[in-house]
Amino acid sequence: MPIVAHTWRTFDRCACIEELVLVVREGMQSAYDELAKRYGFSKPYCLVAGGTERQDSVWNGLQALSQSAEIVAIQDARAHPRRRN
């Protein structure tokens, strides 16, 4: 299981987390959708394209949050979903 899937699974199982925003490289959205299906993640999520710099990616992710979000956790997995370790 890729590192990002371990993290995603932890957030997916956490009762206090209502939504997930994953910031991924442009063009990688389908790979992450496949990852969600493969591991049966059920929590609502959206995929957002990353930016040029890390702070741009964080900003893009923050902009995608729902208005009701109160707490934000940022995990920098830096792992491609198809990479084998």
N, C-alpha and C. Protein backbone atom coordinates (compact mmCIF):
# COMPACT_ATOMS: atom_id res chain seq x y z
N MET A 1 0.86 -1.18 0.00
CA MET A 1 0.00 0.00 0.00
C MET A 1 0.91 1.24 0.00
N PRO A 2 0.67 2.18 -0.91
CA PRO A 2 1.47 3.42 -0.95
C PRO A 2 1.28 4.24 0.34
N ILE A 3 2.28 5.01 0.69
CA ILE A 3 2.23 5.84 1.90
C ILE A 3 0.98 6.71 1.91
N VAL A 4 0.67 7.32 0.80
CA VAL A 4 -0.49 8.21 0.74
C VAL A 4 -1.78 7.44 1.06
N ALA A 5 -1.85 6.18 0.70
CA ALA A 5 -3.03 5.37 0.99
C ALA A 5 -3.13 5.08 2.48
N HIS A 6 -2.00 4.87 3.15
CA HIS A 6 -2.00 4.67 4.61
C HIS A 6 -2.57 5.92 5.30
N THR A 7 -2.10 7.06 4.89
CA THR A 7 -2.57 8.32 5.48
C THR A 7 -4.04 8.53 5.19
N TRP A 8 -4.42 8.32 3.94
CA TRP A 8 -5.82 8.48 3.52
C TRP A 8 -6.71 7.55 4.32
N ARG A 9 -6.29 6.31 4.50
CA ARG A 9 -7.07 5.34 5.26
C ARG A 9 -7.28 5.81 6.71
N THR A 10 -6.23 6.36 7.31
CA THR A 10 -6.34 6.86 8.68
C THR A 10 -7.37 7.97 8.76
N PHE A 11 -7.32 8.93 7.83
CA PHE A 11 -8.29 10.02 7.82
C PHE A 11 -9.68 9.51 7.49
N ASP A 12 -9.77 8.54 6.59
CA ASP A 12 -11.06 7.98 6.19
C ASP A 12 -11.77 7.31 7.37
N ARG A 13 -11.01 6.73 8.25
CA ARG A 13 -11.57 6.01 9.41
C ARG A 13 -11.84 6.92 10.61
N CYS A 14 -11.35 8.13 10.59
CA CYS A 14 -11.48 9.03 11.73
C CYS A 14 -12.88 9.68 11.75
N ALA A 15 -13.61 9.43 12.82
CA ALA A 15 -15.00 9.92 12.92
C ALA A 15 -15.10 11.44 12.94
N CYS A 16 -14.08 12.12 13.43
CA CYS A 16 -14.17 13.59 13.55
C CYS A 16 -13.83 14.31 12.24
N ILE A 17 -13.42 13.58 11.22
CA ILE A 17 -13.10 14.17 9.92
C ILE A 17 -14.28 13.96 8.99
N GLU A 18 -14.77 15.07 8.43
CA GLU A 18 -15.96 15.00 7.58
C GLU A 18 -15.65 15.04 6.09
N GLU A 19 -14.53 15.63 5.73
CA GLU A 19 -14.19 15.75 4.32
C GLU A 19 -12.68 15.71 4.15
N LEU A 20 -12.26 15.31 2.97
CA LEU A 20 -10.85 15.28 2.63
C LEU A 20 -10.64 16.07 1.35
N VAL A 21 -9.60 16.87 1.34
CA VAL A 21 -9.17 17.57 0.14
C VAL A 21 -7.76 17.09 -0.14
N LEU A 22 -7.59 16.43 -1.26
CA LEU A 22 -6.27 15.94 -1.64
C LEU A 22 -5.74 16.81 -2.77
N VAL A 23 -4.58 17.38 -2.54
CA VAL A 23 -3.93 18.21 -3.56
C VAL A 23 -2.92 17.32 -4.27
N VAL A 24 -3.13 17.15 -5.57
CA VAL A 24 -2.31 16.22 -6.35
C VAL A 24 -1.79 16.92 -7.60
N ARG A 25 -0.77 16.32 -8.19
CA ARG A 25 -0.25 16.86 -9.44
C ARG A 25 -1.32 16.86 -10.51
N GLU A 26 -1.28 17.89 -11.33
CA GLU A 26 -2.21 17.97 -12.46
C GLU A 26 -2.07 16.72 -13.31
N GLY A 27 -3.20 16.12 -13.66
CA GLY A 27 -3.19 14.92 -14.47
C GLY A 27 -3.17 13.62 -13.67
N MET A 28 -3.04 13.72 -12.35
CA MET A 28 -2.98 12.52 -11.51
C MET A 28 -4.31 12.21 -10.83
N GLN A 29 -5.33 13.01 -11.11
CA GLN A 29 -6.61 12.84 -10.43
C GLN A 29 -7.17 11.43 -10.62
N SER A 30 -7.10 10.90 -11.82
CA SER A 30 -7.68 9.57 -12.06
C SER A 30 -6.94 8.49 -11.27
N ALA A 31 -5.64 8.64 -11.08
CA ALA A 31 -4.87 7.67 -10.29
C ALA A 31 -5.34 7.67 -8.84
N TYR A 32 -5.68 8.85 -8.33
CA TYR A 32 -6.16 8.94 -6.94
C TYR A 32 -7.59 8.43 -6.82
N ASP A 33 -8.40 8.65 -7.84
CA ASP A 33 -9.74 8.06 -7.84
C ASP A 33 -9.65 6.53 -7.82
N GLU A 34 -8.72 5.99 -8.59
CA GLU A 34 -8.50 4.55 -8.61
C GLU A 34 -8.03 4.04 -7.25
N LEU A 35 -7.17 4.82 -6.61
CA LEU A 35 -6.68 4.46 -5.28
C LEU A 35 -7.83 4.38 -4.28
N ALA A 36 -8.74 5.36 -4.34
CA ALA A 36 -9.90 5.36 -3.45
C ALA A 36 -10.75 4.12 -3.66
N LYS A 37 -10.95 3.75 -4.90
CA LYS A 37 -11.74 2.55 -5.21
C LYS A 37 -11.03 1.28 -4.75
N ARG A 38 -9.75 1.23 -5.03
CA ARG A 38 -8.96 0.02 -4.70
C ARG A 38 -9.00 -0.29 -3.21
N TYR A 39 -8.91 0.75 -2.38
CA TYR A 39 -8.85 0.52 -0.94
C TYR A 39 -10.18 0.79 -0.23
N GLY A 40 -11.20 1.10 -0.99
CA GLY A 40 -12.54 1.24 -0.42
C GLY A 40 -12.73 2.45 0.48
N PHE A 41 -12.05 3.55 0.19
CA PHE A 41 -12.24 4.76 0.99
C PHE A 41 -13.64 5.29 0.75
N SER A 42 -14.33 5.63 1.81
CA SER A 42 -15.75 6.00 1.68
C SER A 42 -16.06 7.44 2.03
N LYS A 43 -15.16 8.11 2.71
CA LYS A 43 -15.40 9.50 3.12
C LYS A 43 -15.38 10.42 1.90
N PRO A 44 -16.25 11.42 1.86
CA PRO A 44 -16.24 12.36 0.73
C PRO A 44 -14.86 13.02 0.58
N TYR A 45 -14.43 13.12 -0.66
CA TYR A 45 -13.14 13.77 -0.93
C TYR A 45 -13.23 14.54 -2.24
N CYS A 46 -12.34 15.50 -2.37
CA CYS A 46 -12.19 16.18 -3.66
C CYS A 46 -10.71 16.25 -3.96
N LEU A 47 -10.41 16.29 -5.24
CA LEU A 47 -9.04 16.35 -5.71
C LEU A 47 -8.80 17.73 -6.31
N VAL A 48 -7.71 18.34 -5.90
CA VAL A 48 -7.36 19.69 -6.33
C VAL A 48 -5.96 19.64 -6.93
N ALA A 49 -5.77 20.35 -8.02
CA ALA A 49 -4.44 20.41 -8.65
C ALA A 49 -3.48 21.22 -7.78
N GLY A 50 -2.27 20.71 -7.65
CA GLY A 50 -1.24 21.41 -6.90
C GLY A 50 -0.72 22.63 -7.65
N GLY A 51 0.12 23.38 -6.97
CA GLY A 51 0.69 24.58 -7.56
C GLY A 51 2.18 24.41 -7.83
N THR A 52 2.81 25.48 -8.23
CA THR A 52 4.23 25.46 -8.55
C THR A 52 5.08 25.19 -7.31
N GLU A 53 4.75 25.84 -6.23
CA GLU A 53 5.47 25.67 -4.96
C GLU A 53 4.54 25.04 -3.94
N ARG A 54 5.12 24.51 -2.85
CA ARG A 54 4.30 23.86 -1.83
C ARG A 54 3.24 24.81 -1.28
N GLN A 55 3.62 26.05 -1.02
CA GLN A 55 2.65 27.00 -0.47
C GLN A 55 1.51 27.27 -1.44
N ASP A 56 1.77 27.18 -2.73
CA ASP A 56 0.70 27.32 -3.73
C ASP A 56 -0.26 26.14 -3.65
N SER A 57 0.30 24.95 -3.47
CA SER A 57 -0.53 23.76 -3.34
C SER A 57 -1.39 23.81 -2.08
N VAL A 58 -0.79 24.25 -0.98
CA VAL A 58 -1.55 24.39 0.27
C VAL A 58 -2.68 25.39 0.07
N TRP A 59 -2.39 26.50 -0.56
CA TRP A 59 -3.41 27.52 -0.82
C TRP A 59 -4.55 26.95 -1.66
N ASN A 60 -4.21 26.20 -2.71
CA ASN A 60 -5.24 25.59 -3.56
C ASN A 60 -6.13 24.67 -2.74
N GLY A 61 -5.52 23.89 -1.86
CA GLY A 61 -6.29 22.99 -1.01
C GLY A 61 -7.19 23.75 -0.05
N LEU A 62 -6.68 24.81 0.55
CA LEU A 62 -7.48 25.62 1.47
C LEU A 62 -8.67 26.25 0.77
N GLN A 63 -8.48 26.66 -0.45
CA GLN A 63 -9.57 27.27 -1.22
C GLN A 63 -10.68 26.28 -1.53
N ALA A 64 -10.36 24.99 -1.53
CA ALA A 64 -11.35 23.96 -1.86
C ALA A 64 -12.15 23.48 -0.65
N LEU A 65 -11.77 23.90 0.55
CA LEU A 65 -12.48 23.48 1.76
C LEU A 65 -13.89 24.05 1.80
N SER A 66 -14.77 23.31 2.45
CA SER A 66 -16.12 23.83 2.64
C SER A 66 -16.08 24.96 3.67
N GLN A 67 -17.08 25.80 3.64
CA GLN A 67 -17.16 26.94 4.56
C GLN A 67 -17.24 26.50 6.01
N SER A 68 -17.73 25.29 6.26
CA SER A 68 -17.91 24.82 7.63
C SER A 68 -16.63 24.24 8.24
N ALA A 69 -15.56 24.14 7.48
CA ALA A 69 -14.32 23.57 8.00
C ALA A 69 -13.77 24.43 9.14
N GLU A 70 -13.43 23.79 10.24
CA GLU A 70 -12.90 24.50 11.40
C GLU A 70 -11.44 24.17 11.67
N ILE A 71 -11.05 22.95 11.39
CA ILE A 71 -9.68 22.49 11.63
C ILE A 71 -9.15 21.89 10.34
N VAL A 72 -7.90 22.20 10.03
CA VAL A 72 -7.27 21.68 8.81
C VAL A 72 -5.98 20.98 9.21
N ALA A 73 -5.77 19.77 8.70
CA ALA A 73 -4.52 19.04 8.88
C ALA A 73 -3.88 18.88 7.51
N ILE A 74 -2.61 19.18 7.42
CA ILE A 74 -1.90 19.08 6.15
C ILE A 74 -0.86 17.98 6.27
N GLN A 75 -0.95 16.99 5.38
CA GLN A 75 -0.01 15.87 5.34
C GLN A 75 0.70 15.92 4.00
N ASP A 76 2.00 15.98 4.02
CA ASP A 76 2.79 16.00 2.79
C ASP A 76 3.36 14.61 2.56
N ALA A 77 2.59 13.77 1.86
CA ALA A 77 3.01 12.38 1.65
C ALA A 77 4.11 12.27 0.60
N ARG A 78 4.08 13.14 -0.39
CA ARG A 78 5.07 13.12 -1.48
C ARG A 78 5.26 11.74 -2.08
N ALA A 79 4.19 11.02 -2.23
CA ALA A 79 4.30 9.67 -2.80
C ALA A 79 3.31 9.51 -3.94
N HIS A 80 3.77 8.99 -5.01
CA HIS A 80 2.94 8.69 -6.17
C HIS A 80 2.11 7.46 -5.82
N PRO A 81 0.81 7.44 -6.13
CA PRO A 81 -0.03 6.31 -5.74
C PRO A 81 0.35 4.98 -6.40
N ARG A 82 1.09 5.02 -7.45
CA ARG A 82 1.47 3.76 -8.13
C ARG A 82 2.91 3.36 -7.86
N ARG A 83 3.62 4.14 -7.08
CA ARG A 83 5.03 3.83 -6.78
C ARG A 83 5.09 2.63 -5.84
N ARG A 84 5.99 1.74 -6.13
CA ARG A 84 6.20 0.56 -5.28
C ARG A 84 7.42 0.82 -4.39
N ASN A 85 7.25 0.61 -3.09
CA ASN A 85 8.38 0.80 -2.16
C ASN A 85 9.08 -0.51 -1.88
